[in-house]
Structure formats: C-alpha cells, structure tokens
Amino acid sequence: MKIISLLLLFISTATWASSSPIEIAQQQALNFNKWYIAQFAADNSSPLDGQKIDKYVTGNTLKKLRHAAKTDEANYGGDFFIGTQDINDDWVDNVAVMQTLVDPVCTNVFVAFGKDKKHIVVDCMVKEAGTWKIQSVTGTEIIASQ
C-alpha cells in the first residue's frame, strides 16, 4: 500500500512539474471559477467569509473586497468574480478556459461560462508565495459610446 501511495505521489508530482507556468495558472483559474460558480449557484453565504477562497485570491485583493463588503463600498454593478448579478442555468456545468495572454503585470486567463461561452471574464493571475492566485477580474464586453 505504501508503494502505491508513493507511486501515485510521484506521478502527480511529475505531472505537476511537467506543466508549464501558464498551464498551472490556467488550471488554478479554472478550479477557482468552477468552485465559485457552484457557490454562487447554490446561494451559499458569501465565499469571502470562508477560508477556501484564500487559496485562489491574493491576500491584498481579499483584504480590499472584505473591507468593501463591510463598508457598503462593494457597489460595482455585479459580482466581482463573475461580473454579473445573475447566472444562467448552464454555467455551473460549463466553465472553460478560452485563452491566456501573458504581460509583464499578470497572466490573463480568459474564462467562459455557459454552453455558448458568451459570458467571459479575464482573471489576472499572479504568483503569491509560489501559488498562482487571482489579483483582479475584468469582463470582455466593450460598450460603445453613442
């Protein structure tokens, strides 16, 4: 049994080690968004109140979001992480990474929700204490002025 456990540990470590930093950032963004949208859909208490979110979001960002939530400064037109106030029924089972762009500030992971992949957010991923975490989130819709 110990041999099997060690073998599984070696395989998972080798797989993780062979992944590029971009692939690891993408997987972390995907894991977060799948977890978060499930929390949102289940109407659980604010994920900001728990500690699970700490492994996905930078400490500085969480500090700002928690402060804003306590002081009613959180009025930015929708949920910070998914950029909307409501979700479609098919979002929970349909979360996908569309593309990733790297710049000097962060690794931008484009995450789509729904079968039609029409709702997209961009997670700005940075490394904090060796772990990829979300520093900020933005949408991709451009509103043309008239």
N, C-alpha and C. Protein backbone atom coordinates (compact mmCIF):
# COMPACT_ATOMS: atom_id res chain seq x y z
N MET A 1 0.82 -1.19 0.00
CA MET A 1 0.00 0.00 0.00
C MET A 1 0.87 1.26 0.00
N LYS A 2 1.96 1.23 0.75
CA LYS A 2 2.86 2.37 0.79
C LYS A 2 3.49 2.61 -0.58
N ILE A 3 3.79 1.53 -1.28
CA ILE A 3 4.39 1.65 -2.60
C ILE A 3 3.41 2.31 -3.57
N ILE A 4 2.15 1.91 -3.50
CA ILE A 4 1.14 2.50 -4.37
C ILE A 4 0.98 3.99 -4.06
N SER A 5 0.95 4.32 -2.78
CA SER A 5 0.83 5.73 -2.39
C SER A 5 2.01 6.55 -2.88
N LEU A 6 3.20 6.01 -2.73
CA LEU A 6 4.39 6.72 -3.20
C LEU A 6 4.39 6.85 -4.71
N LEU A 7 3.96 5.81 -5.40
CA LEU A 7 3.90 5.85 -6.85
C LEU A 7 2.91 6.92 -7.32
N LEU A 8 1.73 6.97 -6.69
CA LEU A 8 0.74 7.99 -7.04
C LEU A 8 1.26 9.39 -6.75
N LEU A 9 1.95 9.56 -5.64
CA LEU A 9 2.53 10.85 -5.31
C LEU A 9 3.57 11.25 -6.36
N PHE A 10 4.40 10.31 -6.75
CA PHE A 10 5.43 10.58 -7.76
C PHE A 10 4.80 10.97 -9.09
N ILE A 11 3.76 10.24 -9.50
CA ILE A 11 3.11 10.53 -10.78
C ILE A 11 2.45 11.90 -10.75
N SER A 12 1.73 12.22 -9.66
CA SER A 12 1.07 13.53 -9.59
C SER A 12 2.10 14.65 -9.52
N THR A 13 3.20 14.45 -8.81
CA THR A 13 4.26 15.45 -8.73
C THR A 13 4.93 15.62 -10.08
N ALA A 14 5.18 14.52 -10.77
CA ALA A 14 5.81 14.59 -12.08
C ALA A 14 4.90 15.29 -13.08
N THR A 15 3.62 15.03 -13.02
CA THR A 15 2.67 15.68 -13.91
C THR A 15 2.64 17.17 -13.63
N TRP A 16 2.58 17.55 -12.36
CA TRP A 16 2.57 18.96 -11.97
C TRP A 16 3.85 19.65 -12.42
N ALA A 17 4.98 18.97 -12.22
CA ALA A 17 6.27 19.55 -12.57
C ALA A 17 6.41 19.72 -14.07
N SER A 18 5.78 18.85 -14.86
CA SER A 18 5.91 18.94 -16.31
C SER A 18 4.98 19.99 -16.91
N SER A 19 4.05 20.51 -16.12
CA SER A 19 3.15 21.55 -16.60
C SER A 19 3.88 22.88 -16.64
N SER A 20 3.59 23.67 -17.66
CA SER A 20 4.22 24.99 -17.76
C SER A 20 3.55 25.93 -16.75
N PRO A 21 4.21 27.03 -16.42
CA PRO A 21 3.58 28.00 -15.51
C PRO A 21 2.24 28.51 -16.04
N ILE A 22 2.12 28.67 -17.34
CA ILE A 22 0.85 29.14 -17.91
C ILE A 22 -0.23 28.09 -17.70
N GLU A 23 0.09 26.82 -17.92
CA GLU A 23 -0.89 25.75 -17.71
C GLU A 23 -1.33 25.68 -16.25
N ILE A 24 -0.40 25.91 -15.34
CA ILE A 24 -0.74 25.88 -13.92
C ILE A 24 -1.65 27.06 -13.57
N ALA A 25 -1.35 28.24 -14.11
CA ALA A 25 -2.20 29.42 -13.88
C ALA A 25 -3.60 29.18 -14.46
N GLN A 26 -3.67 28.58 -15.64
CA GLN A 26 -4.96 28.28 -16.26
C GLN A 26 -5.76 27.31 -15.40
N GLN A 27 -5.11 26.27 -14.91
CA GLN A 27 -5.81 25.28 -14.10
C GLN A 27 -6.30 25.89 -12.79
N GLN A 28 -5.49 26.75 -12.19
CA GLN A 28 -5.90 27.41 -10.95
C GLN A 28 -7.11 28.31 -11.19
N ALA A 29 -7.10 29.06 -12.30
CA ALA A 29 -8.24 29.92 -12.65
C ALA A 29 -9.48 29.07 -12.90
N LEU A 30 -9.32 27.96 -13.62
CA LEU A 30 -10.44 27.08 -13.90
C LEU A 30 -11.00 26.47 -12.62
N ASN A 31 -10.12 25.99 -11.74
CA ASN A 31 -10.56 25.41 -10.47
C ASN A 31 -11.33 26.43 -9.64
N PHE A 32 -10.81 27.66 -9.57
CA PHE A 32 -11.49 28.69 -8.81
C PHE A 32 -12.88 28.96 -9.38
N ASN A 33 -12.96 29.19 -10.68
CA ASN A 33 -14.24 29.57 -11.28
C ASN A 33 -15.27 28.46 -11.19
N LYS A 34 -14.85 27.21 -11.30
CA LYS A 34 -15.80 26.10 -11.12
C LYS A 34 -16.31 26.07 -9.69
N TRP A 35 -15.41 26.25 -8.73
CA TRP A 35 -15.80 26.25 -7.32
C TRP A 35 -16.70 27.46 -7.03
N TYR A 36 -16.30 28.63 -7.51
CA TYR A 36 -17.01 29.85 -7.19
C TYR A 36 -18.41 29.86 -7.79
N ILE A 37 -18.54 29.45 -9.05
CA ILE A 37 -19.85 29.47 -9.69
C ILE A 37 -20.79 28.48 -9.01
N ALA A 38 -20.24 27.37 -8.51
CA ALA A 38 -21.06 26.41 -7.76
C ALA A 38 -21.55 27.04 -6.45
N GLN A 39 -20.71 27.81 -5.77
CA GLN A 39 -21.10 28.50 -4.55
C GLN A 39 -22.19 29.53 -4.86
N PHE A 40 -21.98 30.27 -5.93
CA PHE A 40 -22.92 31.31 -6.34
C PHE A 40 -24.27 30.69 -6.69
N ALA A 41 -24.25 29.60 -7.45
CA ALA A 41 -25.49 28.94 -7.88
C ALA A 41 -26.24 28.34 -6.69
N ALA A 42 -25.50 27.84 -5.72
CA ALA A 42 -26.12 27.23 -4.54
C ALA A 42 -26.60 28.28 -3.55
N ASP A 43 -26.30 29.56 -3.86
CA ASP A 43 -26.66 30.67 -3.00
C ASP A 43 -26.11 30.49 -1.59
N ASN A 44 -24.88 29.98 -1.53
CA ASN A 44 -24.21 29.83 -0.24
C ASN A 44 -23.84 31.21 0.30
N SER A 45 -23.55 31.26 1.56
CA SER A 45 -23.14 32.55 2.13
C SER A 45 -21.90 33.02 1.38
N SER A 46 -21.61 34.26 1.49
CA SER A 46 -20.52 34.85 0.73
C SER A 46 -19.24 34.03 0.86
N PRO A 47 -18.69 33.60 -0.26
CA PRO A 47 -17.42 32.87 -0.20
C PRO A 47 -16.29 33.70 0.40
N LEU A 48 -16.47 35.02 0.45
CA LEU A 48 -15.45 35.87 1.07
C LEU A 48 -15.34 35.61 2.57
N ASP A 49 -16.42 35.07 3.16
CA ASP A 49 -16.43 34.81 4.59
C ASP A 49 -15.63 33.57 4.97
N GLY A 50 -15.43 32.67 4.04
CA GLY A 50 -14.72 31.43 4.34
C GLY A 50 -13.24 31.55 4.05
N GLN A 51 -12.52 30.47 4.31
CA GLN A 51 -11.07 30.47 4.08
C GLN A 51 -10.68 29.76 2.79
N LYS A 52 -11.60 29.03 2.18
CA LYS A 52 -11.27 28.30 0.96
C LYS A 52 -10.83 29.25 -0.14
N ILE A 53 -11.44 30.42 -0.20
CA ILE A 53 -11.12 31.40 -1.23
C ILE A 53 -9.68 31.91 -1.12
N ASP A 54 -9.11 31.81 0.08
CA ASP A 54 -7.74 32.29 0.31
C ASP A 54 -6.71 31.59 -0.58
N LYS A 55 -6.99 30.36 -0.98
CA LYS A 55 -6.02 29.65 -1.82
C LYS A 55 -6.11 30.05 -3.28
N TYR A 56 -7.15 30.83 -3.64
CA TYR A 56 -7.36 31.23 -5.02
C TYR A 56 -7.13 32.71 -5.30
N VAL A 57 -7.25 33.56 -4.28
CA VAL A 57 -7.24 35.01 -4.47
C VAL A 57 -6.14 35.61 -3.60
N THR A 58 -5.44 36.61 -4.14
CA THR A 58 -4.35 37.22 -3.39
C THR A 58 -4.86 37.84 -2.09
N GLY A 59 -4.00 37.86 -1.11
CA GLY A 59 -4.34 38.42 0.19
C GLY A 59 -4.75 39.89 0.10
N ASN A 60 -4.03 40.66 -0.70
CA ASN A 60 -4.33 42.08 -0.84
C ASN A 60 -5.71 42.30 -1.47
N THR A 61 -6.04 41.51 -2.49
CA THR A 61 -7.34 41.62 -3.14
C THR A 61 -8.46 41.23 -2.17
N LEU A 62 -8.27 40.14 -1.44
CA LEU A 62 -9.27 39.72 -0.46
C LEU A 62 -9.47 40.78 0.62
N LYS A 63 -8.39 41.38 1.06
CA LYS A 63 -8.48 42.42 2.08
C LYS A 63 -9.34 43.58 1.59
N LYS A 64 -9.12 44.00 0.34
CA LYS A 64 -9.91 45.10 -0.24
C LYS A 64 -11.37 44.70 -0.41
N LEU A 65 -11.63 43.48 -0.90
CA LEU A 65 -13.00 43.04 -1.10
C LEU A 65 -13.76 42.89 0.22
N ARG A 66 -13.09 42.36 1.23
CA ARG A 66 -13.73 42.20 2.53
C ARG A 66 -14.02 43.55 3.17
N HIS A 67 -13.10 44.49 3.00
CA HIS A 67 -13.32 45.84 3.52
C HIS A 67 -14.50 46.49 2.81
N ALA A 68 -14.54 46.37 1.49
CA ALA A 68 -15.64 46.96 0.71
C ALA A 68 -16.97 46.35 1.12
N ALA A 69 -17.01 45.05 1.36
CA ALA A 69 -18.25 44.39 1.75
C ALA A 69 -18.75 44.88 3.11
N LYS A 70 -17.83 45.19 4.01
CA LYS A 70 -18.20 45.67 5.34
C LYS A 70 -18.65 47.12 5.34
N THR A 71 -18.17 47.89 4.38
CA THR A 71 -18.44 49.33 4.38
C THR A 71 -19.40 49.76 3.28
N ASP A 72 -20.06 48.81 2.65
CA ASP A 72 -21.00 49.10 1.56
C ASP A 72 -20.34 49.79 0.38
N GLU A 73 -19.05 49.57 0.19
CA GLU A 73 -18.37 50.12 -0.97
C GLU A 73 -18.32 49.10 -2.11
N ALA A 74 -19.05 48.01 -1.96
CA ALA A 74 -19.00 46.92 -2.93
C ALA A 74 -20.01 47.09 -4.06
N ASN A 75 -20.42 48.29 -4.33
CA ASN A 75 -21.41 48.53 -5.37
C ASN A 75 -20.72 48.77 -6.71
N TYR A 76 -20.35 47.69 -7.39
CA TYR A 76 -19.72 47.82 -8.70
C TYR A 76 -20.50 47.09 -9.77
N GLY A 77 -21.81 46.99 -9.60
CA GLY A 77 -22.69 46.54 -10.65
C GLY A 77 -22.79 45.05 -10.89
N GLY A 78 -22.23 44.25 -10.05
CA GLY A 78 -22.31 42.80 -10.21
C GLY A 78 -21.29 42.13 -9.32
N ASP A 79 -21.31 40.83 -9.34
CA ASP A 79 -20.35 40.08 -8.55
C ASP A 79 -18.94 40.34 -9.08
N PHE A 80 -17.99 40.58 -8.19
CA PHE A 80 -16.62 40.90 -8.57
C PHE A 80 -16.00 39.82 -9.44
N PHE A 81 -16.23 38.56 -9.13
CA PHE A 81 -15.54 37.47 -9.81
C PHE A 81 -16.19 37.01 -11.10
N ILE A 82 -17.51 37.20 -11.22
CA ILE A 82 -18.16 36.75 -12.45
C ILE A 82 -18.76 37.90 -13.25
N GLY A 83 -18.71 39.10 -12.72
CA GLY A 83 -19.10 40.28 -13.47
C GLY A 83 -20.57 40.39 -13.82
N THR A 84 -21.43 39.78 -13.04
CA THR A 84 -22.86 39.85 -13.27
C THR A 84 -23.60 39.60 -11.97
N GLN A 85 -24.86 39.93 -11.94
CA GLN A 85 -25.66 39.69 -10.74
C GLN A 85 -26.39 38.36 -10.79
N ASP A 86 -26.57 37.84 -11.98
CA ASP A 86 -27.29 36.57 -12.16
C ASP A 86 -26.48 35.65 -13.07
N ILE A 87 -26.76 34.36 -12.96
CA ILE A 87 -26.09 33.39 -13.82
C ILE A 87 -27.13 32.59 -14.59
N ASN A 88 -26.70 32.02 -15.71
CA ASN A 88 -27.57 31.14 -16.47
C ASN A 88 -27.49 29.73 -15.89
N ASP A 89 -28.55 28.96 -16.11
CA ASP A 89 -28.63 27.61 -15.55
C ASP A 89 -27.49 26.70 -16.00
N ASP A 90 -26.95 26.91 -17.17
CA ASP A 90 -25.93 26.00 -17.69
C ASP A 90 -24.50 26.40 -17.30
N TRP A 91 -24.32 27.45 -16.54
CA TRP A 91 -22.98 27.89 -16.21
C TRP A 91 -22.24 26.94 -15.27
N VAL A 92 -22.93 26.36 -14.33
CA VAL A 92 -22.26 25.51 -13.33
C VAL A 92 -21.52 24.35 -13.99
N ASP A 93 -22.12 23.78 -15.02
CA ASP A 93 -21.52 22.63 -15.69
C ASP A 93 -20.68 23.00 -16.91
N ASN A 94 -20.56 24.27 -17.18
CA ASN A 94 -19.85 24.72 -18.38
C ASN A 94 -18.96 25.91 -18.08
N VAL A 95 -17.80 25.62 -17.56
CA VAL A 95 -16.78 26.64 -17.28
C VAL A 95 -15.53 26.18 -18.03
N ALA A 96 -14.96 27.07 -18.84
CA ALA A 96 -13.82 26.67 -19.65
C ALA A 96 -12.83 27.82 -19.82
N VAL A 97 -11.56 27.47 -19.92
CA VAL A 97 -10.53 28.45 -20.24
C VAL A 97 -10.50 28.59 -21.75
N MET A 98 -10.61 29.81 -22.23
CA MET A 98 -10.63 30.07 -23.67
C MET A 98 -9.24 30.38 -24.22
N GLN A 99 -8.51 31.23 -23.52
CA GLN A 99 -7.16 31.58 -23.95
C GLN A 99 -6.43 32.24 -22.80
N THR A 100 -5.15 32.42 -22.99
CA THR A 100 -4.33 33.06 -21.96
C THR A 100 -3.36 34.01 -22.65
N LEU A 101 -3.25 35.20 -22.10
CA LEU A 101 -2.30 36.19 -22.59
C LEU A 101 -1.40 36.59 -21.42
N VAL A 102 -0.12 36.65 -21.68
CA VAL A 102 0.85 36.98 -20.64
C VAL A 102 1.40 38.37 -20.91
N ASP A 103 1.42 39.20 -19.88
CA ASP A 103 2.06 40.51 -19.98
C ASP A 103 2.97 40.68 -18.76
N PRO A 104 3.70 41.77 -18.65
CA PRO A 104 4.62 41.93 -17.52
C PRO A 104 3.94 42.03 -16.15
N VAL A 105 2.63 42.33 -16.13
CA VAL A 105 1.93 42.51 -14.87
C VAL A 105 1.30 41.21 -14.38
N CYS A 106 0.65 40.47 -15.29
CA CYS A 106 -0.02 39.25 -14.87
C CYS A 106 -0.26 38.32 -16.05
N THR A 107 -0.67 37.13 -15.72
CA THR A 107 -1.09 36.15 -16.71
C THR A 107 -2.61 36.24 -16.78
N ASN A 108 -3.13 36.70 -17.91
CA ASN A 108 -4.56 36.93 -18.09
C ASN A 108 -5.22 35.68 -18.64
N VAL A 109 -6.06 35.06 -17.82
CA VAL A 109 -6.75 33.84 -18.21
C VAL A 109 -8.21 34.18 -18.51
N PHE A 110 -8.61 33.94 -19.77
CA PHE A 110 -9.97 34.21 -20.22
C PHE A 110 -10.82 32.99 -19.91
N VAL A 111 -11.84 33.18 -19.06
CA VAL A 111 -12.69 32.08 -18.61
C VAL A 111 -14.11 32.32 -19.11
N ALA A 112 -14.67 31.31 -19.80
CA ALA A 112 -16.02 31.42 -20.36
C ALA A 112 -16.99 30.58 -19.56
N PHE A 113 -18.23 31.08 -19.47
CA PHE A 113 -19.31 30.39 -18.76
C PHE A 113 -20.43 30.07 -19.74
N GLY A 114 -21.03 28.91 -19.56
CA GLY A 114 -22.18 28.50 -20.37
C GLY A 114 -21.78 27.72 -21.60
N LYS A 115 -22.75 26.98 -22.13
CA LYS A 115 -22.51 26.20 -23.35
C LYS A 115 -22.13 27.10 -24.51
N ASP A 116 -22.75 28.27 -24.58
CA ASP A 116 -22.48 29.18 -25.69
C ASP A 116 -21.19 29.98 -25.50
N LYS A 117 -20.62 29.92 -24.31
CA LYS A 117 -19.36 30.62 -23.98
C LYS A 117 -19.42 32.12 -24.28
N LYS A 118 -20.60 32.70 -24.09
CA LYS A 118 -20.76 34.12 -24.39
C LYS A 118 -20.35 35.02 -23.23
N HIS A 119 -20.45 34.52 -22.00
CA HIS A 119 -20.05 35.34 -20.86
C HIS A 119 -18.61 34.99 -20.51
N ILE A 120 -17.73 35.97 -20.63
CA ILE A 120 -16.30 35.73 -20.41
C ILE A 120 -15.76 36.76 -19.42
N VAL A 121 -14.97 36.27 -18.49
CA VAL A 121 -14.22 37.15 -17.59
C VAL A 121 -12.73 36.88 -17.80
N VAL A 122 -11.93 37.85 -17.40
CA VAL A 122 -10.49 37.71 -17.51
C VAL A 122 -9.91 37.77 -16.11
N ASP A 123 -9.31 36.67 -15.69
CA ASP A 123 -8.67 36.62 -14.37
C ASP A 123 -7.20 37.00 -14.53
N CYS A 124 -6.80 38.06 -13.85
CA CYS A 124 -5.40 38.47 -13.81
C CYS A 124 -4.73 37.62 -12.73
N MET A 125 -3.92 36.66 -13.16
CA MET A 125 -3.27 35.71 -12.25
C MET A 125 -1.84 36.15 -11.97
N VAL A 126 -1.47 36.14 -10.70
CA VAL A 126 -0.10 36.45 -10.28
C VAL A 126 0.34 35.38 -9.28
N LYS A 127 1.63 35.28 -9.09
CA LYS A 127 2.12 34.34 -8.09
C LYS A 127 2.24 35.03 -6.74
N GLU A 128 1.69 34.38 -5.73
CA GLU A 128 1.80 34.86 -4.36
C GLU A 128 2.29 33.68 -3.53
N ALA A 129 3.45 33.83 -2.94
CA ALA A 129 4.06 32.76 -2.14
C ALA A 129 4.14 31.45 -2.94
N GLY A 130 4.46 31.56 -4.24
CA GLY A 130 4.64 30.39 -5.08
C GLY A 130 3.38 29.78 -5.64
N THR A 131 2.22 30.38 -5.37
CA THR A 131 0.95 29.85 -5.85
C THR A 131 0.27 30.87 -6.75
N TRP A 132 -0.25 30.42 -7.90
CA TRP A 132 -0.99 31.30 -8.78
C TRP A 132 -2.32 31.68 -8.14
N LYS A 133 -2.59 32.99 -8.09
CA LYS A 133 -3.83 33.49 -7.49
C LYS A 133 -4.39 34.63 -8.32
N ILE A 134 -5.66 34.88 -8.13
CA ILE A 134 -6.34 35.96 -8.83
C ILE A 134 -6.04 37.28 -8.12
N GLN A 135 -5.56 38.24 -8.90
CA GLN A 135 -5.31 39.57 -8.36
C GLN A 135 -6.47 40.51 -8.70
N SER A 136 -7.03 40.35 -9.89
CA SER A 136 -8.17 41.16 -10.30
C SER A 136 -8.93 40.42 -11.39
N VAL A 137 -10.14 40.91 -11.67
CA VAL A 137 -11.01 40.30 -12.67
C VAL A 137 -11.65 41.41 -13.48
N THR A 138 -11.76 41.18 -14.77
CA THR A 138 -12.45 42.11 -15.63
C THR A 138 -13.27 41.32 -16.65
N GLY A 139 -14.22 42.00 -17.27
CA GLY A 139 -15.01 41.38 -18.32
C GLY A 139 -14.43 41.71 -19.68
N THR A 140 -15.06 41.18 -20.72
CA THR A 140 -14.55 41.43 -22.06
C THR A 140 -15.52 42.23 -22.93
N GLU A 141 -16.69 42.56 -22.39
CA GLU A 141 -17.64 43.34 -23.17
C GLU A 141 -17.16 44.78 -23.29
N ILE A 142 -17.27 45.29 -24.48
CA ILE A 142 -16.91 46.69 -24.72
C ILE A 142 -18.20 47.42 -25.06
N ILE A 143 -18.46 48.47 -24.31
CA ILE A 143 -19.68 49.24 -24.53
C ILE A 143 -19.32 50.44 -25.39
N ALA A 144 -19.91 50.50 -26.57
CA ALA A 144 -19.64 51.60 -27.48
C ALA A 144 -20.43 52.83 -27.07
N SER A 145 -19.78 53.97 -27.07
CA SER A 145 -20.50 55.21 -26.74
C SER A 145 -21.27 55.67 -27.97
N GLN A 146 -22.38 56.30 -27.72
CA GLN A 146 -23.24 56.74 -28.86
C GLN A 146 -23.28 58.23 -28.95
